[in-house]
């Protein structure tokens, strides 16, 4: 089992001379990683945190 923990950026930055932002690049990379793992029979759970500071504490609290 693979767990991806992503965060929604409050501020996204453009990449000079590219038609996408850093946030879009990170999301695409994570999606590609999850797809390849799934294609090889590896289960993947992706959590996207909207408020990382609060959400990570709740996540670790739920694991106890």
PDB file of N, CA and C in Angstrom:
ATOM      1  N   UNK A   1       0.848  -1.176   0.000  1.00  0.00           N
ATOM      2  CA  UNK A   1       0.000   0.000   0.000  1.00  0.00           C
ATOM      3  C   UNK A   1       0.890   1.234   0.000  1.00  0.00           C
ATOM      4  N   UNK A   2       0.583   2.151  -0.887  1.00  0.00           N
ATOM      5  CA  UNK A   2       1.305   3.417  -0.969  1.00  0.00           C
ATOM      6  C   UNK A   2       0.365   4.536  -0.562  1.00  0.00           C
ATOM      7  N   UNK A   3       0.874   5.463   0.199  1.00  0.00           N
ATOM      8  CA  UNK A   3       0.109   6.619   0.631  1.00  0.00           C
ATOM      9  C   UNK A   3       0.797   7.877   0.105  1.00  0.00           C
ATOM     10  N   UNK A   4       0.075   8.633  -0.689  1.00  0.00           N
ATOM     11  CA  UNK A   4       0.561   9.922  -1.162  1.00  0.00           C
ATOM     12  C   UNK A   4      -0.136  10.989  -0.342  1.00  0.00           C
ATOM     13  N   UNK A   5       0.640  11.894   0.219  1.00  0.00           N
ATOM     14  CA  UNK A   5       0.064  13.022   0.941  1.00  0.00           C
ATOM     15  C   UNK A   5       0.452  14.279   0.183  1.00  0.00           C
ATOM     16  N   UNK A   6      -0.553  14.947  -0.360  1.00  0.00           N
ATOM     17  CA  UNK A   6      -0.359  16.170  -1.132  1.00  0.00           C
ATOM     18  C   UNK A   6      -1.001  17.323  -0.385  1.00  0.00           C
ATOM     19  N   UNK A   7      -0.643  18.517  -0.760  1.00  0.00           N
ATOM     20  CA  UNK A   7      -1.246  19.702  -0.162  1.00  0.00           C
ATOM     21  C   UNK A   7      -1.676  20.659  -1.265  1.00  0.00           C
ATOM     22  N   UNK A   8      -2.762  21.338  -1.023  1.00  0.00           N
ATOM     23  CA  UNK A   8      -3.217  22.378  -1.925  1.00  0.00           C
ATOM     24  C   UNK A   8      -2.441  23.642  -1.591  1.00  0.00           C
ATOM     25  N   UNK A   9      -1.742  24.178  -2.566  1.00  0.00           N
ATOM     26  CA  UNK A   9      -0.937  25.381  -2.329  1.00  0.00           C
ATOM     27  C   UNK A   9      -1.835  26.597  -2.185  1.00  0.00           C
ATOM     28  N   UNK A  10      -1.544  27.424  -1.182  1.00  0.00           N
ATOM     29  CA  UNK A  10      -2.283  28.675  -1.015  1.00  0.00           C
ATOM     30  C   UNK A  10      -1.892  29.671  -2.098  1.00  0.00           C
ATOM     31  N   UNK A  11      -0.645  29.570  -2.527  1.00  0.00           N
ATOM     32  CA  UNK A  11      -0.147  30.443  -3.585  1.00  0.00           C
ATOM     33  C   UNK A  11       0.599  29.572  -4.585  1.00  0.00           C
ATOM     34  N   UNK A  12       0.209  29.630  -5.830  1.00  0.00           N
ATOM     35  CA  UNK A  12       0.851  28.835  -6.872  1.00  0.00           C
ATOM     36  C   UNK A  12       1.731  29.758  -7.712  1.00  0.00           C
ATOM     37  N   UNK A  13       2.883  29.266  -8.081  1.00  0.00           N
ATOM     38  CA  UNK A  13       3.838  30.072  -8.838  1.00  0.00           C
ATOM     39  C   UNK A  13       3.951  29.574 -10.268  1.00  0.00           C
ATOM     40  N   UNK A  14       4.049  30.508 -11.172  1.00  0.00           N
ATOM     41  CA  UNK A  14       4.230  30.121 -12.570  1.00  0.00           C
ATOM     42  C   UNK A  14       5.675  29.703 -12.795  1.00  0.00           C
ATOM     43  N   UNK A  15       5.871  28.914 -13.827  1.00  0.00           N
ATOM     44  CA  UNK A  15       7.210  28.487 -14.239  1.00  0.00           C
ATOM     45  C   UNK A  15       7.544  29.268 -15.505  1.00  0.00           C
ATOM     46  N   UNK A  16       8.623  30.016 -15.477  1.00  0.00           N
ATOM     47  CA  UNK A  16       8.959  30.814 -16.660  1.00  0.00           C
ATOM     48  C   UNK A  16       9.033  29.951 -17.928  1.00  0.00           C
ATOM     49  N   UNK A  17       8.428  30.441 -18.978  1.00  0.00           N
ATOM     50  CA  UNK A  17       8.437  29.791 -20.293  1.00  0.00           C
ATOM     51  C   UNK A  17       7.724  28.447 -20.324  1.00  0.00           C
ATOM     52  N   UNK A  18       6.841  28.204 -19.374  1.00  0.00           N
ATOM     53  CA  UNK A  18       6.061  26.964 -19.356  1.00  0.00           C
ATOM     54  C   UNK A  18       4.586  27.313 -19.227  1.00  0.00           C
ATOM     55  N   UNK A  19       3.703  26.497 -19.833  1.00  0.00           N
ATOM     56  CA  UNK A  19       2.260  26.793 -19.788  1.00  0.00           C
ATOM     57  C   UNK A  19       1.574  26.242 -18.535  1.00  0.00           C
ATOM     58  N   UNK A  20       2.336  25.888 -17.508  1.00  0.00           N
ATOM     59  CA  UNK A  20       1.764  25.329 -16.288  1.00  0.00           C
ATOM     60  C   UNK A  20       2.496  25.895 -15.075  1.00  0.00           C
ATOM     61  N   UNK A  21       1.866  25.729 -13.917  1.00  0.00           N
ATOM     62  CA  UNK A  21       2.424  26.245 -12.672  1.00  0.00           C
ATOM     63  C   UNK A  21       3.144  25.130 -11.909  1.00  0.00           C
ATOM     64  N   UNK A  22       3.850  25.514 -10.842  1.00  0.00           N
ATOM     65  CA  UNK A  22       4.493  24.498 -10.006  1.00  0.00           C
ATOM     66  C   UNK A  22       3.456  23.574  -9.374  1.00  0.00           C
ATOM     67  N   UNK A  23       2.328  24.131  -8.948  1.00  0.00           N
ATOM     68  CA  UNK A  23       1.273  23.301  -8.363  1.00  0.00           C
ATOM     69  C   UNK A  23       0.737  22.281  -9.350  1.00  0.00           C
ATOM     70  N   UNK A  24       0.538  22.697 -10.588  1.00  0.00           N
ATOM     71  CA  UNK A  24       0.070  21.771 -11.623  1.00  0.00           C
ATOM     72  C   UNK A  24       1.123  20.706 -11.922  1.00  0.00           C
ATOM     73  N   UNK A  25       2.384  21.083 -11.901  1.00  0.00           N
ATOM     74  CA  UNK A  25       3.466  20.129 -12.130  1.00  0.00           C
ATOM     75  C   UNK A  25       3.503  19.075 -11.025  1.00  0.00           C
ATOM     76  N   UNK A  26       3.389  19.518  -9.784  1.00  0.00           N
ATOM     77  CA  UNK A  26       3.410  18.584  -8.653  1.00  0.00           C
ATOM     78  C   UNK A  26       2.212  17.636  -8.720  1.00  0.00           C
ATOM     79  N   UNK A  27       1.016  18.172  -9.033  1.00  0.00           N
ATOM     80  CA  UNK A  27      -0.176  17.328  -9.155  1.00  0.00           C
ATOM     81  C   UNK A  27      -0.018  16.307 -10.277  1.00  0.00           C
ATOM     82  N   UNK A  28       0.526  16.734 -11.404  1.00  0.00           N
ATOM     83  CA  UNK A  28       0.725  15.818 -12.540  1.00  0.00           C
ATOM     84  C   UNK A  28       1.722  14.724 -12.188  1.00  0.00           C
ATOM     85  N   UNK A  29       2.786  15.079 -11.494  1.00  0.00           N
ATOM     86  CA  UNK A  29       3.786  14.087 -11.083  1.00  0.00           C
ATOM     87  C   UNK A  29       3.161  13.065 -10.134  1.00  0.00           C
ATOM     88  N   UNK A  30       2.404  13.539  -9.163  1.00  0.00           N
ATOM     89  CA  UNK A  30       1.765  12.634  -8.208  1.00  0.00           C
ATOM     90  C   UNK A  30       0.768  11.717  -8.906  1.00  0.00           C
ATOM     91  N   UNK A  31       0.004  12.274  -9.829  1.00  0.00           N
ATOM     92  CA  UNK A  31      -0.957  11.466 -10.579  1.00  0.00           C
ATOM     93  C   UNK A  31      -0.256  10.402 -11.411  1.00  0.00           C
ATOM     94  N   UNK A  32       0.820  10.788 -12.063  1.00  0.00           N
ATOM     95  CA  UNK A  32       1.592   9.826 -12.862  1.00  0.00           C
ATOM     96  C   UNK A  32       2.181   8.728 -12.000  1.00  0.00           C
ATOM     97  N   UNK A  33       2.733   9.103 -10.842  1.00  0.00           N
ATOM     98  CA  UNK A  33       3.290   8.100  -9.918  1.00  0.00           C
ATOM     99  C   UNK A  33       2.208   7.114  -9.487  1.00  0.00           C
ATOM    100  N   UNK A  34       1.033   7.640  -9.121  1.00  0.00           N
ATOM    101  CA  UNK A  34      -0.058   6.772  -8.678  1.00  0.00           C
ATOM    102  C   UNK A  34      -0.521   5.848  -9.800  1.00  0.00           C
ATOM    103  N   UNK A  35      -0.582   6.362 -11.017  1.00  0.00           N
ATOM    104  CA  UNK A  35      -1.007   5.544 -12.162  1.00  0.00           C
ATOM    105  C   UNK A  35      -0.043   4.392 -12.415  1.00  0.00           C
ATOM    106  N   UNK A  36       1.243   4.682 -12.381  1.00  0.00           N
ATOM    107  CA  UNK A  36       2.244   3.633 -12.630  1.00  0.00           C
ATOM    108  C   UNK A  36       2.195   2.581 -11.528  1.00  0.00           C
ATOM    109  N   UNK A  37       2.082   3.015 -10.283  1.00  0.00           N
ATOM    110  CA  UNK A  37       1.986   2.052  -9.181  1.00  0.00           C
ATOM    111  C   UNK A  37       0.747   1.170  -9.341  1.00  0.00           C
ATOM    112  N   UNK A  38      -0.390   1.783  -9.668  1.00  0.00           N
ATOM    113  CA  UNK A  38      -1.631   1.019  -9.843  1.00  0.00           C
ATOM    114  C   UNK A  38      -1.528   0.037 -11.007  1.00  0.00           C
ATOM    115  N   UNK A  39      -0.885   0.453 -12.088  1.00  0.00           N
ATOM    116  CA  UNK A  39      -0.704  -0.442 -13.238  1.00  0.00           C
ATOM    117  C   UNK A  39       0.125  -1.671 -12.883  1.00  0.00           C
ATOM    118  N   UNK A  40       0.956  -1.541 -11.849  1.00  0.00           N
ATOM    119  CA  UNK A  40       1.781  -2.662 -11.399  1.00  0.00           C
ATOM    120  C   UNK A  40       1.170  -3.375 -10.200  1.00  0.00           C
ATOM    121  N   UNK A  41      -0.128  -3.162  -9.996  1.00  0.00           N
ATOM    122  CA  UNK A  41      -0.839  -3.881  -8.949  1.00  0.00           C
ATOM    123  C   UNK A  41      -0.573  -3.378  -7.546  1.00  0.00           C
ATOM    124  N   UNK A  42      -0.053  -2.188  -7.420  1.00  0.00           N
ATOM    125  CA  UNK A  42       0.244  -1.624  -6.105  1.00  0.00           C
ATOM    126  C   UNK A  42      -0.872  -0.660  -5.721  1.00  0.00           C
ATOM    127  N   UNK A  43      -1.570  -0.922  -4.631  1.00  0.00           N
ATOM    128  CA  UNK A  43      -2.649  -0.024  -4.215  1.00  0.00           C
ATOM    129  C   UNK A  43      -2.100   1.338  -3.771  1.00  0.00           C
ATOM    130  N   UNK A  44      -2.812   2.392  -4.155  1.00  0.00           N
ATOM    131  CA  UNK A  44      -2.383   3.752  -3.834  1.00  0.00           C
ATOM    132  C   UNK A  44      -3.557   4.517  -3.244  1.00  0.00           C
ATOM    133  N   UNK A  45      -3.316   5.189  -2.139  1.00  0.00           N
ATOM    134  CA  UNK A  45      -4.289   6.097  -1.542  1.00  0.00           C
ATOM    135  C   UNK A  45      -3.671   7.484  -1.577  1.00  0.00           C
ATOM    136  N   UNK A  46      -4.382   8.436  -2.156  1.00  0.00           N
ATOM    137  CA  UNK A  46      -3.894   9.807  -2.238  1.00  0.00           C
ATOM    138  C   UNK A  46      -4.763  10.696  -1.371  1.00  0.00           C
ATOM    139  N   UNK A  47      -4.140  11.399  -0.436  1.00  0.00           N
ATOM    140  CA  UNK A  47      -4.831  12.370   0.403  1.00  0.00           C
ATOM    141  C   UNK A  47      -4.331  13.752   0.031  1.00  0.00           C
ATOM    142  N   UNK A  48      -5.244  14.646  -0.258  1.00  0.00           N
ATOM    143  CA  UNK A  48      -4.875  16.024  -0.556  1.00  0.00           C
ATOM    144  C   UNK A  48      -5.346  16.894   0.600  1.00  0.00           C
ATOM    145  N   UNK A  49      -4.404  17.487   1.291  1.00  0.00           N
ATOM    146  CA  UNK A  49      -4.706  18.314   2.453  1.00  0.00           C
ATOM    147  C   UNK A  49      -4.975  19.746   2.008  1.00  0.00           C
ATOM    148  N   UNK A  50      -6.095  20.293   2.443  1.00  0.00           N
ATOM    149  CA  UNK A  50      -6.444  21.667   2.079  1.00  0.00           C
ATOM    150  C   UNK A  50      -5.902  22.670   3.092  1.00  0.00           C
ATOM    151  N   UNK A  51      -5.668  22.220   4.315  1.00  0.00           N
ATOM    152  CA  UNK A  51      -5.063  23.039   5.363  1.00  0.00           C
ATOM    153  C   UNK A  51      -4.018  22.165   6.036  1.00  0.00           C
ATOM    154  N   UNK A  52      -2.823  22.055   5.432  1.00  0.00           N
ATOM    155  CA  UNK A  52      -1.832  21.092   5.903  1.00  0.00           C
ATOM    156  C   UNK A  52      -1.524  21.148   7.399  1.00  0.00           C
ATOM    157  N   UNK A  53      -1.384  22.339   7.968  1.00  0.00           N
ATOM    158  CA  UNK A  53      -1.049  22.443   9.389  1.00  0.00           C
ATOM    159  C   UNK A  53      -2.102  21.777  10.268  1.00  0.00           C
ATOM    160  N   UNK A  54      -3.367  22.008   9.970  1.00  0.00           N
ATOM    161  CA  UNK A  54      -4.443  21.407  10.755  1.00  0.00           C
ATOM    162  C   UNK A  54      -4.684  19.963  10.344  1.00  0.00           C
ATOM    163  N   UNK A  55      -4.653  19.695   9.055  1.00  0.00           N
ATOM    164  CA  UNK A  55      -4.980  18.355   8.565  1.00  0.00           C
ATOM    165  C   UNK A  55      -3.967  17.300   8.976  1.00  0.00           C
ATOM    166  N   UNK A  56      -2.685  17.647   9.005  1.00  0.00           N
ATOM    167  CA  UNK A  56      -1.670  16.640   9.352  1.00  0.00           C
ATOM    168  C   UNK A  56      -1.820  16.212  10.807  1.00  0.00           C
ATOM    169  N   UNK A  57      -2.168  17.153  11.692  1.00  0.00           N
ATOM    170  CA  UNK A  57      -2.394  16.801  13.092  1.00  0.00           C
ATOM    171  C   UNK A  57      -3.586  15.860  13.208  1.00  0.00           C
ATOM    172  N   UNK A  58      -4.656  16.149  12.478  1.00  0.00           N
ATOM    173  CA  UNK A  58      -5.833  15.279  12.488  1.00  0.00           C
ATOM    174  C   UNK A  58      -5.521  13.907  11.917  1.00  0.00           C
ATOM    175  N   UNK A  59      -4.715  13.873  10.857  1.00  0.00           N
ATOM    176  CA  UNK A  59      -4.332  12.604  10.236  1.00  0.00           C
ATOM    177  C   UNK A  59      -3.554  11.735  11.221  1.00  0.00           C
ATOM    178  N   UNK A  60      -2.545  12.318  11.865  1.00  0.00           N
ATOM    179  CA  UNK A  60      -1.762  11.530  12.817  1.00  0.00           C
ATOM    180  C   UNK A  60      -2.586  11.146  14.038  1.00  0.00           C
ATOM    181  N   UNK A  61      -3.527  11.996  14.443  1.00  0.00           N
ATOM    182  CA  UNK A  61      -4.416  11.651  15.543  1.00  0.00           C
ATOM    183  C   UNK A  61      -5.292  10.472  15.207  1.00  0.00           C
ATOM    184  N   UNK A  62      -5.736  10.375  13.971  1.00  0.00           N
ATOM    185  CA  UNK A  62      -6.585   9.265  13.535  1.00  0.00           C
ATOM    186  C   UNK A  62      -5.814   7.957  13.465  1.00  0.00           C
ATOM    187  N   UNK A  63      -4.507   8.031  13.304  1.00  0.00           N
ATOM    188  CA  UNK A  63      -3.693   6.821  13.196  1.00  0.00           C
ATOM    189  C   UNK A  63      -3.383   6.192  14.549  1.00  0.00           C
ATOM    190  N   UNK A  64      -3.615   6.913  15.620  1.00  0.00           N
ATOM    191  CA  UNK A  64      -3.297   6.386  16.961  1.00  0.00           C
ATOM    192  C   UNK A  64      -4.298   5.363  17.394  1.00  0.00           C
TER     193      UNK A  64
END
